[in-house]
Amino acid sequence: MRLSAMSLLAIAAFSAAPALAQSVPVGPGKVLTGPPDLPSVEPLSRGASNINGADTRSVIAPALPSVDLGPNATAVDYLQLAQSALAANQTGRAQSALENAETLLLTRSVALDTTGNPDQHPAVRNISAALQALASSDIQDAMNLVQRTIPMAERSRPPRPPG
């Protein structure tokens, strides 16, 4: 039985999936995503999308470029990556980096009775506003918001773990 090159590429990607947590290219405009035990092939988008109703064209969001900086990366690291991605007009990469920065800033301990209260940290609000600017294709506003947010995130970041 003969297998096509695409079949071999897909088999190789599926067998490599357990070792990789990020998206893996499997063909032109497609990436392998998802958990190792349930991988799926998704369209890859290099542009920001599905941030809000104005820029959503499908209920299934395309996969964004991977921006994993490693387990010790901080919100500042992701904001700096977003800044360079915006400067290069890589809006999908910028969106992914901003979402990672926001997640790191939102990871905190709170009292049980305050879990429903939104985070009021100015850096979190700025990142949300930068994402909305991306949804409106306002790269300059997104860049300005990221630049203003980096010092805020530097002041609020926990120390890096020793290592």
N, C-alpha and C. Protein backbone atom coordinates (compact mmCIF):
# COMPACT_ATOMS: atom_id res chain seq x y z
N MET A 1 0.84 -1.17 0.00
CA MET A 1 0.00 0.00 0.00
C MET A 1 0.89 1.24 0.00
N ARG A 2 0.62 2.19 -0.90
CA ARG A 2 1.42 3.40 -1.00
C ARG A 2 0.70 4.55 -0.30
N LEU A 3 1.48 5.37 0.39
CA LEU A 3 0.92 6.53 1.07
C LEU A 3 1.41 7.79 0.38
N SER A 4 0.55 8.76 0.26
CA SER A 4 0.94 10.03 -0.35
C SER A 4 1.84 10.80 0.62
N ALA A 5 2.51 11.80 0.09
CA ALA A 5 3.39 12.63 0.93
C ALA A 5 2.58 13.33 2.02
N MET A 6 1.38 13.80 1.70
CA MET A 6 0.54 14.45 2.72
C MET A 6 0.14 13.46 3.80
N SER A 7 -0.16 12.21 3.42
CA SER A 7 -0.52 11.20 4.42
C SER A 7 0.65 10.94 5.34
N LEU A 8 1.85 10.82 4.77
CA LEU A 8 3.03 10.60 5.59
C LEU A 8 3.29 11.79 6.51
N LEU A 9 3.08 13.01 6.00
CA LEU A 9 3.27 14.20 6.81
C LEU A 9 2.26 14.24 7.96
N ALA A 10 1.02 13.89 7.67
CA ALA A 10 -0.02 13.86 8.71
C ALA A 10 0.30 12.81 9.77
N ILE A 11 0.74 11.63 9.34
CA ILE A 11 1.09 10.57 10.29
C ILE A 11 2.26 11.01 11.16
N ALA A 12 3.26 11.63 10.54
CA ALA A 12 4.41 12.11 11.30
C ALA A 12 3.98 13.18 12.31
N ALA A 13 3.10 14.08 11.88
CA ALA A 13 2.64 15.14 12.78
C ALA A 13 1.85 14.55 13.94
N PHE A 14 0.98 13.58 13.67
CA PHE A 14 0.19 12.97 14.73
C PHE A 14 1.08 12.21 15.70
N SER A 15 2.10 11.53 15.20
CA SER A 15 2.96 10.78 16.10
C SER A 15 3.86 11.70 16.90
N ALA A 16 4.15 12.90 16.39
CA ALA A 16 4.97 13.85 17.13
C ALA A 16 4.16 14.68 18.10
N ALA A 17 2.85 14.68 17.98
CA ALA A 17 1.98 15.53 18.80
C ALA A 17 2.18 15.35 20.29
N PRO A 18 2.35 14.14 20.82
CA PRO A 18 2.51 14.04 22.26
C PRO A 18 3.73 14.78 22.78
N ALA A 19 4.75 14.95 21.97
CA ALA A 19 5.95 15.63 22.42
C ALA A 19 5.82 17.14 22.30
N LEU A 20 4.81 17.62 21.60
CA LEU A 20 4.67 19.04 21.36
C LEU A 20 3.37 19.57 21.92
N ALA A 21 3.46 20.70 22.62
CA ALA A 21 2.26 21.30 23.17
C ALA A 21 1.72 22.40 22.28
N GLN A 22 2.50 22.85 21.31
CA GLN A 22 2.10 23.94 20.45
C GLN A 22 1.63 23.42 19.11
N SER A 23 1.17 24.33 18.27
CA SER A 23 0.68 23.93 16.95
C SER A 23 1.85 23.48 16.06
N VAL A 24 1.57 22.50 15.22
CA VAL A 24 2.56 21.90 14.33
C VAL A 24 2.05 22.03 12.90
N PRO A 25 2.85 22.63 11.99
CA PRO A 25 2.40 22.73 10.59
C PRO A 25 2.21 21.33 9.98
N VAL A 26 1.10 21.13 9.28
CA VAL A 26 0.84 19.85 8.61
C VAL A 26 0.56 20.04 7.12
N GLY A 27 0.67 21.23 6.64
CA GLY A 27 0.43 21.51 5.24
C GLY A 27 0.24 23.00 5.04
N PRO A 28 0.08 23.43 3.81
CA PRO A 28 -0.09 24.86 3.56
C PRO A 28 -1.33 25.41 4.27
N GLY A 29 -1.12 26.36 5.18
CA GLY A 29 -2.23 27.00 5.86
C GLY A 29 -2.93 26.16 6.90
N LYS A 30 -2.34 25.03 7.32
CA LYS A 30 -2.97 24.15 8.31
C LYS A 30 -1.97 23.84 9.42
N VAL A 31 -2.47 23.68 10.64
CA VAL A 31 -1.63 23.29 11.77
C VAL A 31 -2.33 22.22 12.58
N LEU A 32 -1.56 21.42 13.27
CA LEU A 32 -2.09 20.42 14.19
C LEU A 32 -2.14 21.05 15.56
N THR A 33 -3.31 21.07 16.18
CA THR A 33 -3.47 21.68 17.50
C THR A 33 -4.17 20.71 18.43
N GLY A 34 -4.40 21.15 19.64
CA GLY A 34 -5.15 20.36 20.59
C GLY A 34 -4.27 19.55 21.50
N PRO A 35 -4.89 18.91 22.47
CA PRO A 35 -4.12 18.08 23.40
C PRO A 35 -3.58 16.86 22.67
N PRO A 36 -2.48 16.28 23.20
CA PRO A 36 -1.87 15.14 22.53
C PRO A 36 -2.83 13.97 22.27
N ASP A 37 -3.78 13.76 23.17
CA ASP A 37 -4.69 12.63 22.99
C ASP A 37 -5.89 12.96 22.10
N LEU A 38 -6.03 14.22 21.69
CA LEU A 38 -7.15 14.62 20.85
C LEU A 38 -6.73 15.72 19.87
N PRO A 39 -5.73 15.41 19.01
CA PRO A 39 -5.27 16.44 18.08
C PRO A 39 -6.30 16.75 17.00
N SER A 40 -6.23 17.94 16.47
CA SER A 40 -7.10 18.30 15.36
C SER A 40 -6.33 19.20 14.39
N VAL A 41 -6.74 19.18 13.14
CA VAL A 41 -6.12 20.03 12.13
C VAL A 41 -6.97 21.28 12.01
N GLU A 42 -6.34 22.43 12.17
CA GLU A 42 -7.03 23.71 12.15
C GLU A 42 -6.42 24.60 11.07
N PRO A 43 -7.22 25.55 10.55
CA PRO A 43 -6.62 26.54 9.65
C PRO A 43 -5.72 27.47 10.46
N LEU A 44 -4.61 27.87 9.89
CA LEU A 44 -3.67 28.78 10.54
C LEU A 44 -3.94 30.19 10.06
N SER A 45 -4.02 31.12 10.99
CA SER A 45 -4.23 32.52 10.64
C SER A 45 -3.04 33.32 11.11
N ARG A 46 -2.47 34.09 10.22
CA ARG A 46 -1.36 34.98 10.60
C ARG A 46 -1.91 36.34 11.04
N GLY A 47 -3.21 36.55 10.87
CA GLY A 47 -3.83 37.82 11.25
C GLY A 47 -4.70 37.65 12.48
N ALA A 48 -4.82 38.71 13.24
CA ALA A 48 -5.69 38.70 14.42
C ALA A 48 -7.13 38.44 13.97
N SER A 49 -7.87 37.67 14.77
CA SER A 49 -9.27 37.41 14.42
C SER A 49 -10.02 36.87 15.62
N ASN A 50 -11.33 36.89 15.51
CA ASN A 50 -12.25 36.37 16.51
C ASN A 50 -12.02 36.98 17.90
N ILE A 51 -11.67 38.26 17.92
CA ILE A 51 -11.48 38.96 19.19
C ILE A 51 -12.83 39.46 19.71
N ASN A 52 -13.63 40.01 18.80
CA ASN A 52 -14.97 40.46 19.16
C ASN A 52 -15.90 40.21 17.98
N GLY A 53 -17.14 40.59 18.10
CA GLY A 53 -18.12 40.33 17.05
C GLY A 53 -17.80 41.00 15.72
N ALA A 54 -17.08 42.12 15.76
CA ALA A 54 -16.77 42.86 14.54
C ALA A 54 -15.74 42.15 13.66
N ASP A 55 -14.86 41.37 14.27
CA ASP A 55 -13.83 40.71 13.46
C ASP A 55 -13.98 39.19 13.43
N THR A 56 -15.14 38.69 13.83
CA THR A 56 -15.39 37.25 13.83
C THR A 56 -16.11 36.87 12.55
N ARG A 57 -15.48 35.97 11.80
CA ARG A 57 -16.06 35.52 10.54
C ARG A 57 -16.53 34.08 10.61
N SER A 58 -16.21 33.40 11.70
CA SER A 58 -16.57 32.00 11.85
C SER A 58 -16.67 31.70 13.35
N VAL A 59 -17.52 30.75 13.70
CA VAL A 59 -17.60 30.35 15.11
C VAL A 59 -16.38 29.54 15.51
N ILE A 60 -15.64 29.05 14.53
CA ILE A 60 -14.41 28.32 14.80
C ILE A 60 -13.26 29.26 14.52
N ALA A 61 -12.54 29.65 15.57
CA ALA A 61 -11.42 30.57 15.40
C ALA A 61 -10.24 29.83 14.81
N PRO A 62 -9.57 30.45 13.83
CA PRO A 62 -8.38 29.81 13.28
C PRO A 62 -7.26 29.80 14.32
N ALA A 63 -6.34 28.87 14.18
CA ALA A 63 -5.20 28.79 15.09
C ALA A 63 -4.28 29.97 14.84
N LEU A 64 -3.78 30.56 15.91
CA LEU A 64 -2.85 31.67 15.81
C LEU A 64 -1.42 31.13 15.86
N PRO A 65 -0.46 31.89 15.36
CA PRO A 65 0.93 31.44 15.44
C PRO A 65 1.35 31.21 16.90
N SER A 66 2.18 30.22 17.10
CA SER A 66 2.66 29.89 18.43
C SER A 66 3.64 30.96 18.92
N VAL A 67 3.50 31.36 20.18
CA VAL A 67 4.41 32.34 20.77
C VAL A 67 4.91 31.86 22.13
N ASP A 68 5.00 30.58 22.31
CA ASP A 68 5.43 30.04 23.59
C ASP A 68 6.86 30.45 23.88
N LEU A 69 7.05 31.20 24.95
CA LEU A 69 8.37 31.66 25.34
C LEU A 69 9.00 30.78 26.42
N GLY A 70 8.32 29.74 26.82
CA GLY A 70 8.86 28.84 27.83
C GLY A 70 8.17 29.02 29.17
N PRO A 71 8.43 28.12 30.10
CA PRO A 71 7.70 28.11 31.36
C PRO A 71 8.04 29.27 32.29
N ASN A 72 9.15 29.94 32.10
CA ASN A 72 9.53 31.03 32.98
C ASN A 72 9.23 32.41 32.39
N ALA A 73 8.54 32.44 31.26
CA ALA A 73 8.22 33.72 30.62
C ALA A 73 7.24 34.50 31.49
N THR A 74 7.40 35.80 31.49
CA THR A 74 6.53 36.68 32.26
C THR A 74 5.59 37.43 31.32
N ALA A 75 4.65 38.13 31.92
CA ALA A 75 3.75 38.97 31.12
C ALA A 75 4.55 40.01 30.35
N VAL A 76 5.60 40.54 30.96
CA VAL A 76 6.45 41.53 30.29
C VAL A 76 7.10 40.91 29.05
N ASP A 77 7.57 39.67 29.16
CA ASP A 77 8.17 38.98 28.01
C ASP A 77 7.17 38.90 26.86
N TYR A 78 5.92 38.52 27.18
CA TYR A 78 4.90 38.41 26.13
C TYR A 78 4.51 39.79 25.58
N LEU A 79 4.49 40.80 26.44
CA LEU A 79 4.17 42.15 25.95
C LEU A 79 5.27 42.66 25.01
N GLN A 80 6.52 42.38 25.33
CA GLN A 80 7.61 42.78 24.45
C GLN A 80 7.54 42.04 23.12
N LEU A 81 7.15 40.77 23.17
CA LEU A 81 6.96 40.01 21.93
C LEU A 81 5.80 40.60 21.12
N ALA A 82 4.72 40.98 21.79
CA ALA A 82 3.58 41.60 21.11
C ALA A 82 4.01 42.91 20.46
N GLN A 83 4.84 43.67 21.16
CA GLN A 83 5.33 44.94 20.63
C GLN A 83 6.12 44.73 19.34
N SER A 84 7.02 43.75 19.34
CA SER A 84 7.81 43.51 18.13
C SER A 84 6.93 42.94 17.01
N ALA A 85 5.95 42.11 17.37
CA ALA A 85 5.03 41.57 16.36
C ALA A 85 4.20 42.68 15.73
N LEU A 86 3.73 43.61 16.54
CA LEU A 86 2.96 44.74 16.01
C LEU A 86 3.82 45.60 15.10
N ALA A 87 5.07 45.82 15.48
CA ALA A 87 5.98 46.61 14.66
C ALA A 87 6.20 45.96 13.29
N ALA A 88 6.11 44.62 13.26
CA ALA A 88 6.29 43.88 12.00
C ALA A 88 4.95 43.59 11.32
N ASN A 89 3.85 44.15 11.85
CA ASN A 89 2.50 43.95 11.33
C ASN A 89 2.09 42.47 11.35
N GLN A 90 2.55 41.73 12.34
CA GLN A 90 2.18 40.32 12.53
C GLN A 90 1.07 40.28 13.58
N THR A 91 -0.14 40.61 13.15
CA THR A 91 -1.24 40.79 14.10
C THR A 91 -1.67 39.50 14.78
N GLY A 92 -1.60 38.38 14.09
CA GLY A 92 -1.94 37.10 14.72
C GLY A 92 -0.98 36.76 15.84
N ARG A 93 0.30 36.98 15.58
CA ARG A 93 1.32 36.73 16.60
C ARG A 93 1.15 37.69 17.77
N ALA A 94 0.84 38.95 17.47
CA ALA A 94 0.60 39.94 18.51
C ALA A 94 -0.60 39.55 19.38
N GLN A 95 -1.68 39.11 18.74
CA GLN A 95 -2.86 38.68 19.48
C GLN A 95 -2.52 37.53 20.42
N SER A 96 -1.81 36.56 19.92
CA SER A 96 -1.44 35.41 20.74
C SER A 96 -0.58 35.84 21.92
N ALA A 97 0.39 36.72 21.68
CA ALA A 97 1.26 37.19 22.76
C ALA A 97 0.47 38.00 23.79
N LEU A 98 -0.44 38.85 23.32
CA LEU A 98 -1.26 39.63 24.25
C LEU A 98 -2.15 38.74 25.11
N GLU A 99 -2.73 37.71 24.49
CA GLU A 99 -3.58 36.79 25.25
C GLU A 99 -2.77 36.05 26.31
N ASN A 100 -1.53 35.68 25.99
CA ASN A 100 -0.67 35.02 26.98
C ASN A 100 -0.31 35.97 28.11
N ALA A 101 0.02 37.22 27.78
CA ALA A 101 0.35 38.22 28.80
C ALA A 101 -0.85 38.44 29.73
N GLU A 102 -2.03 38.55 29.14
CA GLU A 102 -3.24 38.77 29.93
C GLU A 102 -3.48 37.60 30.87
N THR A 103 -3.30 36.39 30.38
CA THR A 103 -3.50 35.20 31.21
C THR A 103 -2.54 35.21 32.40
N LEU A 104 -1.28 35.56 32.16
CA LEU A 104 -0.32 35.59 33.26
C LEU A 104 -0.67 36.66 34.29
N LEU A 105 -1.14 37.81 33.83
CA LEU A 105 -1.52 38.87 34.78
C LEU A 105 -2.79 38.51 35.55
N LEU A 106 -3.66 37.72 34.94
CA LEU A 106 -4.90 37.33 35.61
C LEU A 106 -4.71 36.16 36.57
N THR A 107 -3.57 35.50 36.51
CA THR A 107 -3.31 34.37 37.40
C THR A 107 -2.93 34.94 38.76
N ARG A 108 -3.85 34.85 39.71
CA ARG A 108 -3.63 35.43 41.04
C ARG A 108 -4.50 34.73 42.05
N SER A 109 -4.21 34.96 43.30
CA SER A 109 -5.02 34.42 44.38
C SER A 109 -5.98 35.50 44.86
N VAL A 110 -7.23 35.11 45.06
CA VAL A 110 -8.24 36.04 45.58
C VAL A 110 -9.08 35.32 46.62
N ALA A 111 -9.73 36.10 47.47
CA ALA A 111 -10.63 35.54 48.46
C ALA A 111 -11.81 34.89 47.76
N LEU A 112 -12.31 33.81 48.33
CA LEU A 112 -13.39 33.04 47.71
C LEU A 112 -14.61 33.89 47.38
N ASP A 113 -14.95 34.84 48.24
CA ASP A 113 -16.14 35.64 47.99
C ASP A 113 -15.93 36.74 46.95
N THR A 114 -14.70 36.86 46.40
CA THR A 114 -14.45 37.88 45.38
C THR A 114 -14.09 37.27 44.02
N THR A 115 -14.33 35.98 43.85
CA THR A 115 -13.94 35.33 42.60
C THR A 115 -14.73 35.84 41.40
N GLY A 116 -15.90 36.38 41.61
CA GLY A 116 -16.72 36.88 40.50
C GLY A 116 -16.39 38.31 40.11
N ASN A 117 -15.52 38.97 40.86
CA ASN A 117 -15.17 40.36 40.56
C ASN A 117 -14.08 40.42 39.49
N PRO A 118 -14.30 41.19 38.43
CA PRO A 118 -13.28 41.31 37.40
C PRO A 118 -12.01 41.96 37.95
N ASP A 119 -10.89 41.61 37.39
CA ASP A 119 -9.61 42.21 37.79
C ASP A 119 -9.60 43.66 37.34
N GLN A 120 -9.25 44.55 38.23
CA GLN A 120 -9.23 45.98 37.92
C GLN A 120 -7.83 46.51 37.66
N HIS A 121 -6.85 45.61 37.50
CA HIS A 121 -5.47 46.04 37.27
C HIS A 121 -5.40 46.81 35.95
N PRO A 122 -4.78 47.99 35.95
CA PRO A 122 -4.70 48.78 34.72
C PRO A 122 -4.01 48.04 33.56
N ALA A 123 -3.04 47.19 33.86
CA ALA A 123 -2.36 46.44 32.78
C ALA A 123 -3.33 45.49 32.10
N VAL A 124 -4.20 44.86 32.87
CA VAL A 124 -5.19 43.94 32.30
C VAL A 124 -6.16 44.72 31.42
N ARG A 125 -6.60 45.87 31.90
CA ARG A 125 -7.52 46.70 31.10
C ARG A 125 -6.84 47.18 29.81
N ASN A 126 -5.56 47.55 29.90
CA ASN A 126 -4.84 48.00 28.70
C ASN A 126 -4.68 46.88 27.68
N ILE A 127 -4.40 45.67 28.15
CA ILE A 127 -4.26 44.54 27.23
C ILE A 127 -5.59 44.27 26.54
N SER A 128 -6.67 44.32 27.30
CA SER A 128 -8.00 44.13 26.71
C SER A 128 -8.26 45.21 25.66
N ALA A 129 -7.89 46.44 25.96
CA ALA A 129 -8.08 47.54 25.00
C ALA A 129 -7.18 47.35 23.78
N ALA A 130 -5.97 46.84 23.98
CA ALA A 130 -5.07 46.58 22.84
C ALA A 130 -5.65 45.51 21.94
N LEU A 131 -6.24 44.48 22.53
CA LEU A 131 -6.89 43.43 21.73
C LEU A 131 -8.06 44.01 20.93
N GLN A 132 -8.84 44.91 21.55
CA GLN A 132 -9.95 45.54 20.84
C GLN A 132 -9.43 46.42 19.71
N ALA A 133 -8.30 47.09 19.92
CA ALA A 133 -7.69 47.89 18.86
C ALA A 133 -7.28 46.98 17.70
N LEU A 134 -6.73 45.81 18.02
CA LEU A 134 -6.37 44.85 16.96
C LEU A 134 -7.62 44.43 16.19
N ALA A 135 -8.71 44.19 16.91
CA ALA A 135 -9.96 43.79 16.25
C ALA A 135 -10.43 44.87 15.28
N SER A 136 -10.11 46.12 15.58
CA SER A 136 -10.50 47.25 14.72
C SER A 136 -9.41 47.59 13.70
N SER A 137 -8.37 46.77 13.65
CA SER A 137 -7.23 46.99 12.74
C SER A 137 -6.49 48.29 13.03
N ASP A 138 -6.52 48.73 14.29
CA ASP A 138 -5.81 49.95 14.69
C ASP A 138 -4.49 49.55 15.33
N ILE A 139 -3.51 49.25 14.48
CA ILE A 139 -2.21 48.76 14.94
C ILE A 139 -1.52 49.81 15.81
N GLN A 140 -1.61 51.08 15.42
CA GLN A 140 -0.92 52.13 16.17
C GLN A 140 -1.46 52.26 17.59
N ASP A 141 -2.78 52.21 17.75
CA ASP A 141 -3.36 52.28 19.09
C ASP A 141 -2.96 51.06 19.91
N ALA A 142 -2.98 49.89 19.29
CA ALA A 142 -2.55 48.68 19.99
C ALA A 142 -1.11 48.81 20.45
N MET A 143 -0.24 49.32 19.57
CA MET A 143 1.17 49.51 19.91
C MET A 143 1.33 50.48 21.07
N ASN A 144 0.60 51.60 21.03
CA ASN A 144 0.68 52.57 22.13
C ASN A 144 0.24 51.96 23.45
N LEU A 145 -0.84 51.19 23.42
CA LEU A 145 -1.33 50.55 24.64
C LEU A 145 -0.31 49.55 25.19
N VAL A 146 0.31 48.78 24.32
CA VAL A 146 1.31 47.80 24.76
C VAL A 146 2.50 48.53 25.37
N GLN A 147 2.95 49.61 24.73
CA GLN A 147 4.09 50.36 25.27
C GLN A 147 3.79 50.94 26.64
N ARG A 148 2.57 51.40 26.86
CA ARG A 148 2.19 51.94 28.18
C ARG A 148 2.02 50.84 29.21
N THR A 149 1.73 49.62 28.75
CA THR A 149 1.44 48.52 29.67
C THR A 149 2.70 47.84 30.19
N ILE A 150 3.77 47.84 29.41
CA ILE A 150 4.99 47.15 29.83
C ILE A 150 5.48 47.63 31.20
N PRO A 151 5.61 48.95 31.46
CA PRO A 151 6.06 49.36 32.80
C PRO A 151 5.08 48.95 33.92
N MET A 152 3.79 48.95 33.63
CA MET A 152 2.80 48.52 34.63
C MET A 152 3.00 47.05 34.98
N ALA A 153 3.22 46.24 33.96
CA ALA A 153 3.41 44.81 34.18
C ALA A 153 4.74 44.54 34.88
N GLU A 154 5.76 45.34 34.59
CA GLU A 154 7.05 45.18 35.28
C GLU A 154 6.90 45.41 36.77
N ARG A 155 6.12 46.42 37.15
CA ARG A 155 5.92 46.72 38.57
C ARG A 155 5.11 45.66 39.29
N SER A 156 4.24 44.99 38.57
CA SER A 156 3.34 44.04 39.22
C SER A 156 3.79 42.59 39.11
N ARG A 157 4.88 42.33 38.40
CA ARG A 157 5.25 40.93 38.19
C ARG A 157 5.91 40.34 39.41
N PRO A 158 5.62 39.07 39.67
CA PRO A 158 6.31 38.39 40.76
C PRO A 158 7.74 38.09 40.34
N PRO A 159 8.63 37.89 41.31
CA PRO A 159 10.01 37.56 40.93
C PRO A 159 10.07 36.24 40.19
N ARG A 160 11.05 36.14 39.27
CA ARG A 160 11.24 34.88 38.53
C ARG A 160 11.69 33.79 39.50
N PRO A 161 11.25 32.56 39.24
CA PRO A 161 11.71 31.46 40.10
C PRO A 161 13.21 31.24 39.92
N PRO A 162 13.90 30.83 40.98
CA PRO A 162 15.34 30.57 40.84
C PRO A 162 15.58 29.44 39.86
N GLY A 163 16.66 29.54 39.16
CA GLY A 163 16.95 28.44 38.24
C GLY A 163 17.78 28.84 37.18
